[in-house]
Protein backbone atom coordinates (compact mmCIF):
# COMPACT_ATOMS: atom_id res chain seq x y z
CA MET A 1 90.94 -13.33 23.59
CA LYS A 2 90.39 -15.86 20.84
CA LEU A 3 87.05 -16.77 19.29
CA HIS A 4 86.51 -19.32 16.56
CA ILE A 5 83.45 -19.08 14.31
CA PRO A 6 82.38 -22.70 13.64
CA ASN A 7 80.58 -24.06 10.62
CA SER A 8 77.34 -24.07 12.64
CA ALA A 9 76.34 -22.25 15.82
CA PHE A 10 72.62 -21.80 16.39
CA LEU A 11 70.65 -21.73 19.62
CA GLY A 12 70.09 -25.48 19.59
CA ASN A 13 73.85 -26.16 19.57
CA ILE A 14 75.28 -22.91 20.97
CA GLU A 15 77.12 -24.47 23.94
CA PRO A 16 80.18 -25.81 22.04
CA PHE A 17 80.78 -22.35 20.52
CA ILE A 18 80.66 -20.65 23.92
CA SER A 19 82.74 -23.34 25.63
CA SER A 20 85.52 -22.83 23.08
CA PHE A 21 86.14 -19.18 24.03
CA ASP A 22 89.65 -18.26 25.11
CA LEU A 23 89.17 -15.10 27.15
CA SER A 24 92.60 -15.11 28.81
CA ASP A 25 94.00 -11.98 27.12
CA GLN A 26 91.50 -9.13 27.64
CA GLU A 27 93.59 -6.62 25.68
CA LYS A 28 93.06 -8.03 22.19
CA LEU A 29 90.68 -10.19 20.18
CA GLU A 30 91.62 -12.69 17.48
CA ILE A 31 88.79 -14.12 15.38
CA THR A 32 89.20 -17.26 13.29
CA SER A 33 86.63 -19.30 11.39
CA ASN A 34 85.87 -22.69 9.94
CA GLU A 35 87.72 -23.11 6.66
CA LYS A 36 84.79 -24.48 4.64
CA TRP A 37 81.55 -22.94 5.85
CA ILE A 38 80.09 -20.40 8.29
CA SER A 39 76.45 -20.56 9.36
CA VAL A 40 75.68 -18.88 12.68
CA HIS A 41 72.87 -17.32 14.69
CA PRO A 42 72.71 -13.50 14.95
CA MET A 43 73.51 -13.93 18.64
CA VAL A 44 77.01 -15.06 17.65
CA LEU A 45 77.61 -11.98 15.50
CA SER A 46 76.35 -9.66 18.24
CA MET A 47 78.80 -11.25 20.65
CA LEU A 48 81.72 -10.87 18.24
CA LEU A 49 81.05 -7.17 17.70
CA SER A 50 80.44 -6.52 21.39
CA LEU A 51 83.78 -8.08 22.31
CA GLY A 52 85.54 -6.26 19.47
CA LEU A 53 84.28 -2.89 20.63
CA SER A 54 85.19 -3.64 24.24
CA VAL A 55 88.88 -4.25 23.38
CA GLY A 56 89.03 -1.44 20.80
CA LYS A 57 88.93 -1.75 17.02
CA LYS A 58 92.70 -1.48 16.63
CA ASN A 59 93.13 -4.56 18.83
CA VAL A 60 90.94 -6.85 16.70
CA SER A 61 92.46 -9.20 14.14
CA PHE A 62 91.07 -11.87 11.84
CA GLY A 63 92.71 -15.10 10.81
CA GLU A 64 92.63 -16.08 7.17
CA LEU A 65 89.03 -16.37 5.99
CA LYS A 66 88.65 -19.22 3.52
CA ALA A 67 85.03 -20.28 4.01
CA LYS A 68 82.84 -19.95 0.95
CA SER A 69 80.20 -18.24 3.08
CA ARG A 70 82.59 -15.57 4.45
CA PRO A 71 80.80 -12.77 2.48
CA TYR A 72 77.98 -13.28 5.00
CA LEU A 73 80.11 -11.59 7.65
CA GLU A 74 80.60 -8.66 5.29
CA ARG A 75 76.89 -8.33 4.53
CA MET A 76 75.97 -8.49 8.21
CA GLY A 77 78.28 -5.55 8.86
CA LEU A 78 80.84 -7.19 11.17
CA PHE A 79 83.91 -5.90 9.32
CA LYS A 80 82.42 -2.46 8.77
CA GLU A 81 81.51 -1.98 12.44
CA LEU A 82 84.98 -3.09 13.53
CA GLY A 83 86.72 -0.90 10.96
CA VAL A 84 88.39 -3.89 9.31
CA ASP A 85 89.14 -4.15 5.58
CA SER A 86 88.11 -7.73 4.89
CA GLY A 87 89.36 -7.74 1.32
CA ILE A 88 86.12 -9.47 0.39
CA SER A 89 84.45 -8.24 -2.76
CA ILE A 90 80.71 -8.83 -2.79
CA VAL A 91 77.76 -7.81 -4.90
CA GLU A 92 75.44 -5.83 -2.64
CA HIS A 93 71.94 -7.21 -2.32
CA GLU A 94 68.89 -5.50 -0.93
CA PRO A 95 68.52 -6.87 2.64
CA SER A 96 64.75 -6.48 2.55
CA GLY A 97 63.00 -9.54 3.93
CA ARG A 98 66.25 -11.36 4.79
CA PHE A 99 68.37 -9.73 7.48
CA ILE A 100 69.04 -6.72 9.65
CA PRO A 101 72.80 -5.98 9.79
CA LEU A 102 74.66 -5.43 13.05
CA SER A 103 73.63 -2.19 14.70
CA ARG A 104 74.70 -0.29 17.81
CA ILE A 105 71.88 1.32 19.78
CA SER A 106 72.79 3.71 22.58
CA ASP A 107 69.58 5.54 23.49
CA SER A 108 65.79 5.51 23.18
CA GLU A 109 65.80 7.75 20.11
CA GLU A 110 68.09 5.36 18.25
CA LEU A 111 65.91 2.44 19.34
CA THR A 112 62.76 4.09 18.00
CA HIS A 113 64.51 4.80 14.70
CA PHE A 114 65.87 1.24 14.50
CA ILE A 115 62.44 -0.34 15.02
CA SER A 116 60.80 1.96 12.45
CA GLU A 117 63.49 1.00 9.90
CA MET A 118 63.46 -2.68 10.85
CA VAL A 119 59.81 -3.62 10.36
CA PRO A 120 59.63 -2.93 6.59
CA LEU A 121 62.83 -4.94 6.07
CA LEU A 122 61.29 -8.06 7.55
CA HIS A 123 58.34 -8.14 5.15
CA THR A 124 56.00 -9.41 7.84
CA ASP A 125 52.41 -8.36 8.38
CA ALA A 126 51.32 -6.28 11.37
CA GLU A 127 50.25 -9.36 13.32
CA HIS A 128 53.68 -10.97 13.07
CA SER A 129 55.65 -7.76 13.56
CA GLU A 130 54.17 -6.94 16.98
CA PRO A 131 55.97 -9.64 19.00
CA ILE A 132 59.21 -8.91 17.10
CA LYS A 133 59.01 -5.19 17.92
CA TYR A 134 58.17 -5.98 21.54
CA VAL A 135 61.09 -8.39 21.96
CA ILE A 136 63.65 -6.03 20.45
CA SER A 137 62.36 -3.03 22.38
CA GLU A 138 62.44 -4.84 25.73
CA LEU A 139 65.86 -6.43 25.21
CA VAL A 140 67.48 -3.17 24.15
CA ARG A 141 65.84 -1.15 26.94
CA ASN A 142 67.22 -3.66 29.44
CA VAL A 143 70.69 -2.76 28.21
CA PHE A 144 69.99 0.96 28.70
CA GLU A 145 68.52 0.50 32.18
CA HIS A 146 70.75 -2.17 33.71
CA SER A 147 73.97 -2.94 31.83
CA GLU A 148 75.99 0.29 32.12
CA SER A 149 77.55 -0.70 28.80
CA SER A 150 79.67 2.04 27.23
CA HIS A 151 78.86 0.75 23.74
CA GLY A 152 75.11 0.33 24.16
CA ALA A 153 73.24 -2.67 22.78
CA ILE A 154 74.58 -4.65 19.83
CA ILE A 155 71.79 -6.23 17.80
CA CYS A 156 71.16 -8.01 14.52
CA ALA A 157 68.47 -10.29 13.10
CA GLN A 158 67.91 -12.70 10.26
CA PHE A 159 64.89 -14.18 8.51
CA TYR A 160 65.19 -17.82 7.47
CA LYS A 161 62.75 -18.51 4.66
CA LYS A 162 62.98 -22.31 4.77
CA SER A 163 61.97 -22.55 8.43
CA ASN A 164 59.92 -19.32 8.33
CA ARG A 165 61.47 -17.86 11.47
CA ILE A 166 63.15 -14.70 12.69
CA ALA A 167 66.37 -15.09 14.69
CA ILE A 168 67.41 -12.21 16.98
CA GLY A 169 70.64 -11.63 18.89
CA VAL A 170 71.37 -8.86 21.41
CA ALA A 171 74.63 -8.48 23.33
CA ASP A 172 76.35 -6.01 25.62
CA ALA A 173 79.68 -5.86 27.45
CA GLY A 174 78.30 -4.21 30.57
CA ILE A 175 78.25 -5.23 34.23
CA GLY A 176 76.24 -8.43 33.77
CA ILE A 177 73.04 -9.66 35.38
CA LYS A 178 74.47 -10.64 38.76
CA GLU A 179 76.01 -7.25 39.50
CA SER A 180 72.92 -5.45 38.21
CA ILE A 181 70.48 -7.44 40.32
CA ASP A 182 72.78 -7.79 43.34
CA VAL A 183 71.77 -4.37 44.68
CA SER A 184 68.31 -5.60 45.65
CA HIS A 185 68.40 -9.40 45.65
CA ASN A 186 71.93 -10.67 46.39
CA PRO A 187 71.94 -13.83 44.22
CA LYS A 188 74.56 -16.40 45.22
CA ASN A 189 75.92 -16.90 41.69
CA ASP A 190 75.38 -16.07 38.00
CA MET A 191 72.85 -18.85 37.44
CA GLU A 192 70.74 -17.71 40.36
CA ALA A 193 70.91 -14.15 39.00
CA ILE A 194 69.62 -15.34 35.62
CA ARG A 195 66.83 -17.20 37.40
CA LEU A 196 65.79 -14.04 39.24
CA ALA A 197 66.00 -11.92 36.06
CA LEU A 198 63.56 -14.27 34.31
CA THR A 199 61.15 -14.46 37.25
CA PRO A 200 58.09 -12.19 36.92
CA GLY A 201 58.04 -9.19 39.23
CA VAL A 202 61.76 -9.28 40.03
CA THR A 203 63.91 -6.30 39.08
CA GLY A 204 67.28 -4.98 40.15
CA LYS A 205 65.64 -1.63 40.94
CA THR A 206 63.92 -2.87 44.10
CA SER A 207 63.50 -5.93 46.32
CA ARG A 208 59.71 -5.46 46.28
CA SER A 209 57.67 -8.08 44.40
CA GLY A 210 56.12 -6.49 41.33
CA GLY A 211 58.94 -4.00 40.87
CA THR A 212 58.41 -0.26 40.77
CA GLU A 213 56.03 2.09 38.98
CA PHE A 214 58.53 2.38 36.11
CA ASN A 215 60.08 -1.11 36.14
CA ALA A 216 57.77 -4.04 36.87
CA GLY A 217 60.31 -6.80 36.25
CA ALA A 218 58.12 -8.28 33.53
CA GLY A 219 60.05 -7.80 30.28
CA LEU A 220 62.34 -10.85 30.28
CA PHE A 221 59.57 -13.09 31.62
CA PHE A 222 57.30 -11.90 28.80
CA ILE A 223 60.01 -12.51 26.19
CA LYS A 224 60.78 -16.02 27.45
CA SER A 225 57.04 -16.74 27.51
CA ILE A 226 56.63 -15.59 23.91
CA ALA A 227 59.35 -18.08 22.94
CA LYS A 228 57.71 -20.86 24.92
CA VAL A 229 54.20 -20.30 23.56
CA ASN A 230 55.61 -20.30 20.03
CA ARG A 231 57.69 -23.44 20.82
CA ASP A 232 60.98 -21.67 20.12
CA PHE A 233 64.44 -21.42 21.68
CA PHE A 234 65.44 -18.68 24.10
CA VAL A 235 69.01 -18.31 25.42
CA MET A 236 70.47 -16.03 28.09
CA TYR A 237 74.20 -15.97 28.86
CA SER A 238 75.80 -13.79 31.52
CA GLY A 239 78.90 -14.18 33.66
CA SER A 240 79.81 -17.87 33.70
CA SER A 241 76.28 -19.25 33.27
CA LEU A 242 73.89 -19.97 30.42
CA TYR A 243 70.16 -20.69 30.49
CA LYS A 244 68.45 -22.19 27.45
CA LEU A 245 64.70 -22.65 27.10
CA LEU A 246 64.12 -25.73 24.97
CA LYS A 247 61.37 -26.11 22.39
CA THR A 248 58.12 -27.52 23.70
CA PRO A 249 57.22 -30.63 21.64
CA GLN A 250 54.17 -30.28 19.43
CA ASN A 251 52.34 -33.04 21.31
CA LYS A 252 52.79 -31.28 24.66
CA LYS A 253 50.41 -28.66 26.03
CA ILE A 254 51.96 -25.25 26.69
CA LYS A 255 52.06 -24.23 30.35
CA LEU A 256 53.72 -21.06 31.62
CA PHE A 257 55.68 -21.20 34.88
CA PRO A 258 56.80 -18.22 36.98
CA ASP A 259 60.03 -20.08 37.84
CA PRO A 260 62.17 -20.43 34.67
CA PHE A 261 63.78 -23.56 36.09
CA SER A 262 60.39 -25.28 35.96
CA ASP A 263 60.43 -24.95 32.17
CA ARG A 264 61.98 -27.57 29.93
CA CYS A 265 65.45 -26.09 29.81
CA THR A 266 69.19 -26.66 30.04
CA LYS A 267 71.49 -24.83 32.47
CA ARG A 268 75.25 -24.53 32.05
CA GLU A 269 77.67 -23.17 34.62
CA HIS A 270 81.46 -22.66 34.75
CA LEU A 271 81.55 -21.38 31.19
CA PRO A 272 84.06 -18.77 29.95
CA TYR A 273 83.16 -15.56 31.76
CA TRP A 274 81.11 -13.11 29.68
CA LYS A 275 81.31 -9.62 31.17
CA GLY A 276 77.85 -8.46 30.23
CA THR A 277 74.71 -10.17 28.95
CA VAL A 278 73.76 -11.96 25.75
CA VAL A 279 70.28 -12.98 24.64
CA GLY A 280 69.37 -15.07 21.61
CA MET A 281 65.83 -15.88 20.51
CA ASP A 282 63.94 -17.43 17.60
CA ILE A 283 60.40 -16.47 16.62
CA SER A 284 58.66 -19.00 14.39
CA LEU A 285 56.10 -17.19 12.27
CA ASP A 286 54.15 -20.39 11.60
CA GLN A 287 53.47 -20.90 15.30
CA HIS A 288 52.42 -17.34 16.05
CA GLN A 289 49.34 -16.70 18.18
CA ASP A 290 47.34 -13.48 18.34
CA PHE A 291 49.71 -11.12 20.17
CA ASP A 292 47.08 -9.50 22.39
CA HIS A 293 45.83 -12.93 23.47
CA LEU A 294 49.39 -14.03 24.09
CA LEU A 295 50.13 -11.03 26.31
CA ASP A 296 46.89 -11.59 28.24
CA LEU A 297 47.93 -15.19 28.89
CA ILE A 298 51.37 -14.11 30.09
CA ARG A 299 49.98 -11.28 32.23
CA ASN A 300 47.67 -13.70 34.04
CA VAL A 301 50.61 -15.85 35.10
CA TYR A 302 52.61 -12.75 36.04
CA PHE A 303 49.95 -11.22 38.31
CA GLU A 304 48.98 -14.55 39.88
CA ASP A 305 52.60 -15.19 40.85
CA ILE A 306 53.04 -11.66 42.25
CA LYS A 307 49.87 -12.07 44.32
CA LYS A 308 51.03 -15.45 45.61
CA ARG A 309 54.48 -14.19 46.65
CA LYS A 310 53.05 -11.11 48.39
CA LYS A 311 50.62 -13.32 50.31
CA GLU A 312 53.42 -15.67 51.33
CA LYS A 313 55.44 -12.69 52.57
CA ILE A 314 52.54 -11.37 54.65
CA TRP A 315 51.90 -14.74 56.30
CA ARG A 316 55.55 -15.65 56.80
CA PRO A 317 56.09 -16.51 60.50
CA ARG A 318 58.17 -14.07 62.47
CA PHE A 319 60.34 -15.20 65.36
CA VAL A 320 61.13 -12.65 68.04
């Protein structure tokens, strides 16, 4: 496999980076980068580490790194996690308030520890930290419950002072959304599987609307809704398909839809096949609403949609 780190790859322009993947040789990974500059979303770094771990550290190689910003990869922990000597000498800076390096989380205990260590680093108040903790907890738990990834969840985050936003990336090299959800819902392709995963009340654990006692199928819908209410990007990539929630313009009223395809979004199919799932999200701190109010708003849409679908199922005509 060959992956090239471009000069810029954020959620708004993530498609060219993904389309450039060469995943033909699954036994090794070669990483190259733009010669002048590297500026990428944490989602990109999570993907690089996830792929590196899936092929084995000894099968990962880097092309010559010339970009002036290459120490960023060192600070974010990519070389360290892959066991690569980058040869880059940097002056260590306290990450507090700026970034959370790449981390591997394999169980609930590690997740709890990660979140407790993460919040102080972000230098946000309690009001702003709640949605961030919720998003990370839900995304990582999804990996535990559905991905069957042998390397757990790969996560990192960055705070961008100029735009006052937190960027989060989570990746795994597990079975992917389609195979996970296929047990109960039989989606026809990867894009349909993503659609089902983002629909409230749908979970791979059961075909019943509203999920089970322990898995209500609400987490991804809640996360996408948080992004929408805050007018941010949300990206999900699994198999050969990518879904991207676009920012809602400031002059448009926010409306939550149970069907993710009803949102202002872009959908890409026939992309290089990602064996697993990747999620990228931005959280703009300037746009933040009261978290309890936000969850109430999202819950209302969730329960109304569940009620509607159950009613439709009851009144569906039966032909004998």
